[in-house]
């Protein structure tokens, strides 16, 4: 594997940000595990896995449903994901298509 295959390009340089790794970054921001100034550029996959595990553990507390988040987090989730979807659309993301389309 090359260096670029083992590190994440970062949310802002991601294909469109709504990839699996991009969503981990969004959830890291949501739960306050990383500041919004950190988009995980250059993080290796082990570090990304640690962030994903933390996010999954936090989501488990809420049944993995945004509707079960406390009001402040639910509002934050809406803000982050609305912004993320608008950003993704500027990069050609179509919510009707899968990542492979």
PDB file of N, CA and C in Angstrom:
ATOM      1  N   UNK A   1       0.832  -1.203   0.000  1.00  0.00           N
ATOM      2  CA  UNK A   1       0.000   0.000   0.000  1.00  0.00           C
ATOM      3  C   UNK A   1       0.866   1.252   0.000  1.00  0.00           C
ATOM      4  N   UNK A   2       0.389   2.236  -0.676  1.00  0.00           N
ATOM      5  CA  UNK A   2       1.122   3.493  -0.701  1.00  0.00           C
ATOM      6  C   UNK A   2       0.679   4.362   0.461  1.00  0.00           C
ATOM      7  N   UNK A   3       1.432   5.408   0.711  1.00  0.00           N
ATOM      8  CA  UNK A   3       1.118   6.366   1.779  1.00  0.00           C
ATOM      9  C   UNK A   3      -0.296   6.920   1.633  1.00  0.00           C
ATOM     10  N   UNK A   4      -0.716   7.256   0.388  1.00  0.00           N
ATOM     11  CA  UNK A   4      -2.034   7.849   0.183  1.00  0.00           C
ATOM     12  C   UNK A   4      -3.159   6.851   0.439  1.00  0.00           C
ATOM     13  N   UNK A   5      -2.879   5.560   0.319  1.00  0.00           N
ATOM     14  CA  UNK A   5      -3.905   4.557   0.573  1.00  0.00           C
ATOM     15  C   UNK A   5      -4.120   4.316   2.057  1.00  0.00           C
ATOM     16  N   UNK A   6      -3.159   4.688   2.875  1.00  0.00           N
ATOM     17  CA  UNK A   6      -3.258   4.402   4.301  1.00  0.00           C
ATOM     18  C   UNK A   6      -3.588   5.634   5.136  1.00  0.00           C
ATOM     19  N   UNK A   7      -3.783   6.764   4.477  1.00  0.00           N
ATOM     20  CA  UNK A   7      -4.174   7.968   5.198  1.00  0.00           C
ATOM     21  C   UNK A   7      -5.424   8.569   4.557  1.00  0.00           C
ATOM     22  N   UNK A   8      -6.163   9.284   5.381  1.00  0.00           N
ATOM     23  CA  UNK A   8      -7.388   9.939   4.911  1.00  0.00           C
ATOM     24  C   UNK A   8      -7.028  11.304   4.349  1.00  0.00           C
ATOM     25  N   UNK A   9      -7.625  11.648   3.227  1.00  0.00           N
ATOM     26  CA  UNK A   9      -7.334  12.918   2.557  1.00  0.00           C
ATOM     27  C   UNK A   9      -7.879  14.119   3.324  1.00  0.00           C
ATOM     28  N   UNK A  10      -8.826  13.884   4.214  1.00  0.00           N
ATOM     29  CA  UNK A  10      -9.436  14.968   4.982  1.00  0.00           C
ATOM     30  C   UNK A  10     -10.835  15.265   4.473  1.00  0.00           C
ATOM     31  N   UNK A  11     -11.705  15.665   5.368  1.00  0.00           N
ATOM     32  CA  UNK A  11     -13.103  15.918   5.019  1.00  0.00           C
ATOM     33  C   UNK A  11     -13.221  16.919   3.877  1.00  0.00           C
ATOM     34  N   UNK A  12     -12.495  18.014   3.972  1.00  0.00           N
ATOM     35  CA  UNK A  12     -12.650  19.076   2.967  1.00  0.00           C
ATOM     36  C   UNK A  12     -12.075  18.697   1.606  1.00  0.00           C
ATOM     37  N   UNK A  13     -11.186  17.704   1.555  1.00  0.00           N
ATOM     38  CA  UNK A  13     -10.629  17.242   0.290  1.00  0.00           C
ATOM     39  C   UNK A  13     -11.276  15.927  -0.160  1.00  0.00           C
ATOM     40  N   UNK A  14     -12.194  15.414   0.632  1.00  0.00           N
ATOM     41  CA  UNK A  14     -12.871  14.156   0.333  1.00  0.00           C
ATOM     42  C   UNK A  14     -13.630  14.291  -0.989  1.00  0.00           C
ATOM     43  N   UNK A  15     -13.913  13.169  -1.596  1.00  0.00           N
ATOM     44  CA  UNK A  15     -14.653  13.132  -2.864  1.00  0.00           C
ATOM     45  C   UNK A  15     -15.848  14.079  -2.819  1.00  0.00           C
ATOM     46  N   UNK A  16     -16.627  13.998  -1.762  1.00  0.00           N
ATOM     47  CA  UNK A  16     -17.761  14.900  -1.568  1.00  0.00           C
ATOM     48  C   UNK A  16     -18.143  15.050  -0.099  1.00  0.00           C
ATOM     49  N   UNK A  17     -17.432  14.390   0.789  1.00  0.00           N
ATOM     50  CA  UNK A  17     -17.675  14.545   2.218  1.00  0.00           C
ATOM     51  C   UNK A  17     -18.728  13.640   2.806  1.00  0.00           C
ATOM     52  N   UNK A  18     -19.566  13.039   1.974  1.00  0.00           N
ATOM     53  CA  UNK A  18     -20.618  12.168   2.501  1.00  0.00           C
ATOM     54  C   UNK A  18     -20.205  10.695   2.395  1.00  0.00           C
ATOM     55  N   UNK A  19     -18.921  10.455   2.336  1.00  0.00           N
ATOM     56  CA  UNK A  19     -18.386   9.099   2.339  1.00  0.00           C
ATOM     57  C   UNK A  19     -18.423   8.560   3.768  1.00  0.00           C
ATOM     58  N   UNK A  20     -18.106   7.300   3.941  1.00  0.00           N
ATOM     59  CA  UNK A  20     -18.081   6.724   5.284  1.00  0.00           C
ATOM     60  C   UNK A  20     -17.097   7.480   6.180  1.00  0.00           C
ATOM     61  N   UNK A  21     -15.913   7.764   5.675  1.00  0.00           N
ATOM     62  CA  UNK A  21     -14.939   8.493   6.484  1.00  0.00           C
ATOM     63  C   UNK A  21     -15.375   9.933   6.727  1.00  0.00           C
ATOM     64  N   UNK A  22     -15.986  10.550   5.730  1.00  0.00           N
ATOM     65  CA  UNK A  22     -16.495  11.907   5.917  1.00  0.00           C
ATOM     66  C   UNK A  22     -17.543  11.976   7.014  1.00  0.00           C
ATOM     67  N   UNK A  23     -18.390  10.985   7.072  1.00  0.00           N
ATOM     68  CA  UNK A  23     -19.432  10.960   8.108  1.00  0.00           C
ATOM     69  C   UNK A  23     -18.846  10.725   9.489  1.00  0.00           C
ATOM     70  N   UNK A  24     -17.739  10.013   9.551  1.00  0.00           N
ATOM     71  CA  UNK A  24     -17.061   9.838  10.843  1.00  0.00           C
ATOM     72  C   UNK A  24     -16.572  11.194  11.343  1.00  0.00           C
ATOM     73  N   UNK A  25     -16.018  11.985  10.440  1.00  0.00           N
ATOM     74  CA  UNK A  25     -15.563  13.323  10.806  1.00  0.00           C
ATOM     75  C   UNK A  25     -16.747  14.158  11.292  1.00  0.00           C
ATOM     76  N   UNK A  26     -17.858  14.128  10.552  1.00  0.00           N
ATOM     77  CA  UNK A  26     -19.048  14.882  10.956  1.00  0.00           C
ATOM     78  C   UNK A  26     -19.509  14.462  12.352  1.00  0.00           C
ATOM     79  N   UNK A  27     -19.520  13.163  12.606  1.00  0.00           N
ATOM     80  CA  UNK A  27     -19.951  12.686  13.922  1.00  0.00           C
ATOM     81  C   UNK A  27     -18.932  13.034  15.006  1.00  0.00           C
ATOM     82  N   UNK A  28     -17.662  13.058  14.648  1.00  0.00           N
ATOM     83  CA  UNK A  28     -16.639  13.503  15.594  1.00  0.00           C
ATOM     84  C   UNK A  28     -16.873  14.951  15.997  1.00  0.00           C
ATOM     85  N   UNK A  29     -17.253  15.774  15.017  1.00  0.00           N
ATOM     86  CA  UNK A  29     -17.598  17.167  15.309  1.00  0.00           C
ATOM     87  C   UNK A  29     -18.855  17.233  16.164  1.00  0.00           C
ATOM     88  N   UNK A  30     -19.847  16.451  15.795  1.00  0.00           N
ATOM     89  CA  UNK A  30     -21.122  16.455  16.507  1.00  0.00           C
ATOM     90  C   UNK A  30     -20.930  16.178  17.992  1.00  0.00           C
ATOM     91  N   UNK A  31     -20.182  15.143  18.299  1.00  0.00           N
ATOM     92  CA  UNK A  31     -20.022  14.728  19.690  1.00  0.00           C
ATOM     93  C   UNK A  31     -18.871  15.434  20.399  1.00  0.00           C
ATOM     94  N   UNK A  32     -18.191  16.336  19.697  1.00  0.00           N
ATOM     95  CA  UNK A  32     -17.122  17.102  20.328  1.00  0.00           C
ATOM     96  C   UNK A  32     -15.832  16.324  20.533  1.00  0.00           C
ATOM     97  N   UNK A  33     -15.658  15.241  19.799  1.00  0.00           N
ATOM     98  CA  UNK A  33     -14.428  14.457  19.917  1.00  0.00           C
ATOM     99  C   UNK A  33     -13.264  15.138  19.214  1.00  0.00           C
ATOM    100  N   UNK A  34     -13.576  15.920  18.190  1.00  0.00           N
ATOM    101  CA  UNK A  34     -12.567  16.711  17.485  1.00  0.00           C
ATOM    102  C   UNK A  34     -13.171  18.092  17.208  1.00  0.00           C
ATOM    103  N   UNK A  35     -12.350  19.129  17.183  1.00  0.00           N
ATOM    104  CA  UNK A  35     -12.882  20.462  16.851  1.00  0.00           C
ATOM    105  C   UNK A  35     -13.186  20.555  15.362  1.00  0.00           C
ATOM    106  N   UNK A  36     -14.060  21.456  14.993  1.00  0.00           N
ATOM    107  CA  UNK A  36     -14.407  21.612  13.575  1.00  0.00           C
ATOM    108  C   UNK A  36     -13.242  22.083  12.729  1.00  0.00           C
ATOM    109  N   UNK A  37     -12.214  22.593  13.349  1.00  0.00           N
ATOM    110  CA  UNK A  37     -11.024  22.986  12.599  1.00  0.00           C
ATOM    111  C   UNK A  37     -10.207  21.766  12.179  1.00  0.00           C
ATOM    112  N   UNK A  38     -10.488  20.612  12.771  1.00  0.00           N
ATOM    113  CA  UNK A  38      -9.791  19.357  12.455  1.00  0.00           C
ATOM    114  C   UNK A  38     -10.631  18.558  11.474  1.00  0.00           C
ATOM    115  N   UNK A  39     -10.122  18.371  10.257  1.00  0.00           N
ATOM    116  CA  UNK A  39     -10.886  17.579   9.283  1.00  0.00           C
ATOM    117  C   UNK A  39     -10.229  16.226   9.003  1.00  0.00           C
ATOM    118  N   UNK A  40      -9.267  15.871   9.852  1.00  0.00           N
ATOM    119  CA  UNK A  40      -8.603  14.559   9.829  1.00  0.00           C
ATOM    120  C   UNK A  40      -7.687  14.352   8.630  1.00  0.00           C
ATOM    121  N   UNK A  41      -7.253  15.419   7.999  1.00  0.00           N
ATOM    122  CA  UNK A  41      -6.302  15.310   6.905  1.00  0.00           C
ATOM    123  C   UNK A  41      -5.037  14.608   7.379  1.00  0.00           C
ATOM    124  N   UNK A  42      -4.657  13.565   6.642  1.00  0.00           N
ATOM    125  CA  UNK A  42      -3.434  12.844   6.950  1.00  0.00           C
ATOM    126  C   UNK A  42      -3.540  11.816   8.054  1.00  0.00           C
ATOM    127  N   UNK A  43      -4.726  11.658   8.624  1.00  0.00           N
ATOM    128  CA  UNK A  43      -4.882  10.652   9.678  1.00  0.00           C
ATOM    129  C   UNK A  43      -4.747   9.266   9.064  1.00  0.00           C
ATOM    130  N   UNK A  44      -4.042   8.380   9.765  1.00  0.00           N
ATOM    131  CA  UNK A  44      -3.960   7.004   9.276  1.00  0.00           C
ATOM    132  C   UNK A  44      -5.253   6.277   9.622  1.00  0.00           C
ATOM    133  N   UNK A  45      -5.453   5.135   8.995  1.00  0.00           N
ATOM    134  CA  UNK A  45      -6.714   4.405   9.170  1.00  0.00           C
ATOM    135  C   UNK A  45      -6.904   3.914  10.608  1.00  0.00           C
ATOM    136  N   UNK A  46      -5.826   3.658  11.326  1.00  0.00           N
ATOM    137  CA  UNK A  46      -5.946   3.265  12.723  1.00  0.00           C
ATOM    138  C   UNK A  46      -6.542   4.386  13.561  1.00  0.00           C
ATOM    139  N   UNK A  47      -6.085   5.587  13.318  1.00  0.00           N
ATOM    140  CA  UNK A  47      -6.606   6.750  14.045  1.00  0.00           C
ATOM    141  C   UNK A  47      -8.059   7.020  13.667  1.00  0.00           C
ATOM    142  N   UNK A  48      -8.383   6.854  12.383  1.00  0.00           N
ATOM    143  CA  UNK A  48      -9.769   7.018  11.952  1.00  0.00           C
ATOM    144  C   UNK A  48     -10.659   5.954  12.600  1.00  0.00           C
ATOM    145  N   UNK A  49     -10.146   4.736  12.731  1.00  0.00           N
ATOM    146  CA  UNK A  49     -10.907   3.658  13.371  1.00  0.00           C
ATOM    147  C   UNK A  49     -11.200   3.985  14.830  1.00  0.00           C
ATOM    148  N   UNK A  50     -10.240   4.569  15.518  1.00  0.00           N
ATOM    149  CA  UNK A  50     -10.446   4.962  16.919  1.00  0.00           C
ATOM    150  C   UNK A  50     -11.565   5.992  17.009  1.00  0.00           C
ATOM    151  N   UNK A  51     -11.551   6.981  16.113  1.00  0.00           N
ATOM    152  CA  UNK A  51     -12.614   7.996  16.096  1.00  0.00           C
ATOM    153  C   UNK A  51     -13.953   7.339  15.779  1.00  0.00           C
ATOM    154  N   UNK A  52     -13.969   6.424  14.808  1.00  0.00           N
ATOM    155  CA  UNK A  52     -15.209   5.734  14.454  1.00  0.00           C
ATOM    156  C   UNK A  52     -15.744   4.935  15.647  1.00  0.00           C
ATOM    157  N   UNK A  53     -14.870   4.251  16.351  1.00  0.00           N
ATOM    158  CA  UNK A  53     -15.296   3.474  17.516  1.00  0.00           C
ATOM    159  C   UNK A  53     -15.895   4.375  18.591  1.00  0.00           C
ATOM    160  N   UNK A  54     -15.282   5.522  18.825  1.00  0.00           N
ATOM    161  CA  UNK A  54     -15.817   6.471  19.811  1.00  0.00           C
ATOM    162  C   UNK A  54     -17.201   6.974  19.387  1.00  0.00           C
ATOM    163  N   UNK A  55     -17.333   7.296  18.102  1.00  0.00           N
ATOM    164  CA  UNK A  55     -18.616   7.787  17.592  1.00  0.00           C
ATOM    165  C   UNK A  55     -19.687   6.706  17.674  1.00  0.00           C
ATOM    166  N   UNK A  56     -19.331   5.478  17.294  1.00  0.00           N
ATOM    167  CA  UNK A  56     -20.305   4.381  17.361  1.00  0.00           C
ATOM    168  C   UNK A  56     -20.758   4.137  18.793  1.00  0.00           C
ATOM    169  N   UNK A  57     -19.829   4.199  19.724  1.00  0.00           N
ATOM    170  CA  UNK A  57     -20.177   4.001  21.143  1.00  0.00           C
ATOM    171  C   UNK A  57     -21.136   5.098  21.609  1.00  0.00           C
ATOM    172  N   UNK A  58     -20.897   6.324  21.169  1.00  0.00           N
ATOM    173  CA  UNK A  58     -21.773   7.442  21.544  1.00  0.00           C
ATOM    174  C   UNK A  58     -23.145   7.291  20.890  1.00  0.00           C
ATOM    175  N   UNK A  59     -23.168   6.929  19.598  1.00  0.00           N
ATOM    176  CA  UNK A  59     -24.445   6.724  18.907  1.00  0.00           C
ATOM    177  C   UNK A  59     -25.262   5.620  19.569  1.00  0.00           C
ATOM    178  N   UNK A  60     -24.595   4.581  20.058  1.00  0.00           N
ATOM    179  CA  UNK A  60     -25.296   3.476  20.719  1.00  0.00           C
ATOM    180  C   UNK A  60     -26.146   3.965  21.888  1.00  0.00           C
ATOM    181  N   UNK A  61     -25.707   5.010  22.562  1.00  0.00           N
ATOM    182  CA  UNK A  61     -26.462   5.569  23.703  1.00  0.00           C
ATOM    183  C   UNK A  61     -27.833   6.091  23.259  1.00  0.00           C
ATOM    184  N   UNK A  62     -27.934   6.423  21.984  1.00  0.00           N
ATOM    185  CA  UNK A  62     -29.151   7.030  21.441  1.00  0.00           C
ATOM    186  C   UNK A  62     -29.826   6.130  20.411  1.00  0.00           C
ATOM    187  N   UNK A  63     -29.527   4.853  20.474  1.00  0.00           N
ATOM    188  CA  UNK A  63     -30.152   3.907  19.553  1.00  0.00           C
ATOM    189  C   UNK A  63     -29.803   4.165  18.100  1.00  0.00           C
ATOM    190  N   UNK A  64     -28.696   4.866  17.867  1.00  0.00           N
ATOM    191  CA  UNK A  64     -28.248   5.197  16.515  1.00  0.00           C
ATOM    192  C   UNK A  64     -29.259   6.032  15.737  1.00  0.00           C
ATOM    193  N   UNK A  65     -30.075   6.788  16.452  1.00  0.00           N
ATOM    194  CA  UNK A  65     -31.115   7.601  15.813  1.00  0.00           C
ATOM    195  C   UNK A  65     -30.951   9.078  16.167  1.00  0.00           C
ATOM    196  N   UNK A  66     -30.803   9.940  15.175  1.00  0.00           N
ATOM    197  CA  UNK A  66     -30.726  11.371  15.470  1.00  0.00           C
ATOM    198  C   UNK A  66     -31.927  11.870  16.273  1.00  0.00           C
ATOM    199  N   UNK A  67     -33.090  11.283  16.047  1.00  0.00           N
ATOM    200  CA  UNK A  67     -34.294  11.718  16.767  1.00  0.00           C
ATOM    201  C   UNK A  67     -34.216  11.433  18.264  1.00  0.00           C
ATOM    202  N   UNK A  68     -33.303  10.562  18.668  1.00  0.00           N
ATOM    203  CA  UNK A  68     -33.154  10.228  20.089  1.00  0.00           C
ATOM    204  C   UNK A  68     -32.078  11.057  20.781  1.00  0.00           C
ATOM    205  N   UNK A  69     -31.394  11.896  20.020  1.00  0.00           N
ATOM    206  CA  UNK A  69     -30.376  12.759  20.611  1.00  0.00           C
ATOM    207  C   UNK A  69     -31.035  13.801  21.499  1.00  0.00           C
ATOM    208  N   UNK A  70     -30.350  14.236  22.554  1.00  0.00           N
ATOM    209  CA  UNK A  70     -30.862  15.372  23.339  1.00  0.00           C
ATOM    210  C   UNK A  70     -31.027  16.579  22.409  1.00  0.00           C
ATOM    211  N   UNK A  71     -31.938  17.467  22.753  1.00  0.00           N
ATOM    212  CA  UNK A  71     -32.305  18.588  21.885  1.00  0.00           C
ATOM    213  C   UNK A  71     -31.096  19.338  21.334  1.00  0.00           C
ATOM    214  N   UNK A  72     -30.139  19.701  22.179  1.00  0.00           N
ATOM    215  CA  UNK A  72     -28.981  20.470  21.722  1.00  0.00           C
ATOM    216  C   UNK A  72     -28.174  19.692  20.676  1.00  0.00           C
ATOM    217  N   UNK A  73     -27.952  18.417  20.918  1.00  0.00           N
ATOM    218  CA  UNK A  73     -27.221  17.591  19.949  1.00  0.00           C
ATOM    219  C   UNK A  73     -28.039  17.367  18.681  1.00  0.00           C
ATOM    220  N   UNK A  74     -29.332  17.209  18.828  1.00  0.00           N
ATOM    221  CA  UNK A  74     -30.203  17.008  17.662  1.00  0.00           C
ATOM    222  C   UNK A  74     -30.150  18.237  16.759  1.00  0.00           C
ATOM    223  N   UNK A  75     -30.199  19.419  17.355  1.00  0.00           N
ATOM    224  CA  UNK A  75     -30.107  20.654  16.568  1.00  0.00           C
ATOM    225  C   UNK A  75     -28.742  20.775  15.910  1.00  0.00           C
ATOM    226  N   UNK A  76     -27.710  20.395  16.647  1.00  0.00           N
ATOM    227  CA  UNK A  76     -26.347  20.435  16.114  1.00  0.00           C
ATOM    228  C   UNK A  76     -26.213  19.454  14.943  1.00  0.00           C
ATOM    229  N   UNK A  77     -26.822  18.280  15.069  1.00  0.00           N
ATOM    230  CA  UNK A  77     -26.798  17.280  14.007  1.00  0.00           C
ATOM    231  C   UNK A  77     -27.442  17.843  12.744  1.00  0.00           C
ATOM    232  N   UNK A  78     -28.594  18.470  12.888  1.00  0.00           N
ATOM    233  CA  UNK A  78     -29.284  19.062  11.736  1.00  0.00           C
ATOM    234  C   UNK A  78     -28.390  20.107  11.068  1.00  0.00           C
ATOM    235  N   UNK A  79     -27.786  20.989  11.868  1.00  0.00           N
ATOM    236  CA  UNK A  79     -26.913  22.030  11.319  1.00  0.00           C
ATOM    237  C   UNK A  79     -25.742  21.424  10.555  1.00  0.00           C
ATOM    238  N   UNK A  80     -25.048  20.487  11.193  1.00  0.00           N
ATOM    239  CA  UNK A  80     -23.877  19.884  10.565  1.00  0.00           C
ATOM    240  C   UNK A  80     -24.233  19.159   9.270  1.00  0.00           C
ATOM    241  N   UNK A  81     -25.278  18.359   9.313  1.00  0.00           N
ATOM    242  CA  UNK A  81     -25.613  17.560   8.136  1.00  0.00           C
ATOM    243  C   UNK A  81     -26.239  18.397   7.027  1.00  0.00           C
ATOM    244  N   UNK A  82     -26.981  19.445   7.351  1.00  0.00           N
ATOM    245  CA  UNK A  82     -27.484  20.331   6.297  1.00  0.00           C
ATOM    246  C   UNK A  82     -26.321  21.020   5.593  1.00  0.00           C
ATOM    247  N   UNK A  83     -25.357  21.498   6.388  1.00  0.00           N
ATOM    248  CA  UNK A  83     -24.173  22.132   5.820  1.00  0.00           C
ATOM    249  C   UNK A  83     -23.374  21.127   4.990  1.00  0.00           C
ATOM    250  N   UNK A  84     -23.231  19.911   5.509  1.00  0.00           N
ATOM    251  CA  UNK A  84     -22.466  18.870   4.812  1.00  0.00           C
ATOM    252  C   UNK A  84     -23.128  18.479   3.493  1.00  0.00           C
ATOM    253  N   UNK A  85     -24.438  18.367   3.498  1.00  0.00           N
ATOM    254  CA  UNK A  85     -25.128  17.996   2.261  1.00  0.00           C
ATOM    255  C   UNK A  85     -25.018  19.100   1.218  1.00  0.00           C
ATOM    256  N   UNK A  86     -25.122  20.346   1.646  1.00  0.00           N
ATOM    257  CA  UNK A  86     -24.965  21.465   0.710  1.00  0.00           C
ATOM    258  C   UNK A  86     -23.548  21.466   0.132  1.00  0.00           C
ATOM    259  N   UNK A  87     -22.540  21.232   0.983  1.00  0.00           N
ATOM    260  CA  UNK A  87     -21.149  21.158   0.542  1.00  0.00           C
ATOM    261  C   UNK A  87     -20.972  20.011  -0.450  1.00  0.00           C
ATOM    262  N   UNK A  88     -21.528  18.857  -0.122  1.00  0.00           N
ATOM    263  CA  UNK A  88     -21.398  17.670  -0.977  1.00  0.00           C
ATOM    264  C   UNK A  88     -22.029  17.904  -2.356  1.00  0.00           C
ATOM    265  N   UNK A  89     -23.147  18.579  -2.373  1.00  0.00           N
ATOM    266  CA  UNK A  89     -23.815  18.845  -3.655  1.00  0.00           C
ATOM    267  C   UNK A  89     -22.968  19.741  -4.544  1.00  0.00           C
ATOM    268  N   UNK A  90     -22.196  20.663  -3.944  1.00  0.00           N
ATOM    269  CA  UNK A  90     -21.302  21.502  -4.758  1.00  0.00           C
ATOM    270  C   UNK A  90     -20.191  20.678  -5.377  1.00  0.00           C
ATOM    271  N   UNK A  91     -19.922  19.492  -4.814  1.00  0.00           N
ATOM    272  CA  UNK A  91     -18.891  18.604  -5.343  1.00  0.00           C
ATOM    273  C   UNK A  91     -19.490  17.486  -6.201  1.00  0.00           C
ATOM    274  N   UNK A  92     -20.784  17.618  -6.528  1.00  0.00           N
ATOM    275  CA  UNK A  92     -21.415  16.658  -7.423  1.00  0.00           C
ATOM    276  C   UNK A  92     -22.114  15.497  -6.754  1.00  0.00           C
ATOM    277  N   UNK A  93     -22.227  15.506  -5.446  1.00  0.00           N
ATOM    278  CA  UNK A  93     -22.895  14.414  -4.722  1.00  0.00           C
ATOM    279  C   UNK A  93     -24.381  14.417  -5.014  1.00  0.00           C
ATOM    280  N   UNK A  94     -24.922  13.253  -5.287  1.00  0.00           N
ATOM    281  CA  UNK A  94     -26.356  13.073  -5.501  1.00  0.00           C
ATOM    282  C   UNK A  94     -26.836  12.084  -4.455  1.00  0.00           C
ATOM    283  N   UNK A  95     -27.697  12.528  -3.533  1.00  0.00           N
ATOM    284  CA  UNK A  95     -28.144  11.613  -2.464  1.00  0.00           C
ATOM    285  C   UNK A  95     -28.893  10.394  -2.973  1.00  0.00           C
ATOM    286  N   UNK A  96     -29.350  10.423  -4.215  1.00  0.00           N
ATOM    287  CA  UNK A  96     -30.070   9.289  -4.788  1.00  0.00           C
ATOM    288  C   UNK A  96     -29.126   8.204  -5.288  1.00  0.00           C
ATOM    289  N   UNK A  97     -27.850   8.538  -5.446  1.00  0.00           N
ATOM    290  CA  UNK A  97     -26.881   7.586  -5.969  1.00  0.00           C
ATOM    291  C   UNK A  97     -25.998   7.060  -4.847  1.00  0.00           C
ATOM    292  N   UNK A  98     -25.526   5.838  -4.994  1.00  0.00           N
ATOM    293  CA  UNK A  98     -24.585   5.283  -4.040  1.00  0.00           C
ATOM    294  C   UNK A  98     -23.184   5.802  -4.314  1.00  0.00           C
ATOM    295  N   UNK A  99     -22.238   5.519  -3.419  1.00  0.00           N
ATOM    296  CA  UNK A  99     -20.865   5.967  -3.588  1.00  0.00           C
ATOM    297  C   UNK A  99     -20.219   5.443  -4.862  1.00  0.00           C
ATOM    298  N   UNK A 100     -20.703   4.297  -5.359  1.00  0.00           N
ATOM    299  CA  UNK A 100     -20.110   3.702  -6.555  1.00  0.00           C
ATOM    300  C   UNK A 100     -20.730   4.204  -7.843  1.00  0.00           C
ATOM    301  N   UNK A 101     -21.796   5.010  -7.761  1.00  0.00           N
ATOM    302  CA  UNK A 101     -22.491   5.499  -8.956  1.00  0.00           C
ATOM    303  C   UNK A 101     -21.856   6.784  -9.464  1.00  0.00           C
TER     304      UNK A 101
END
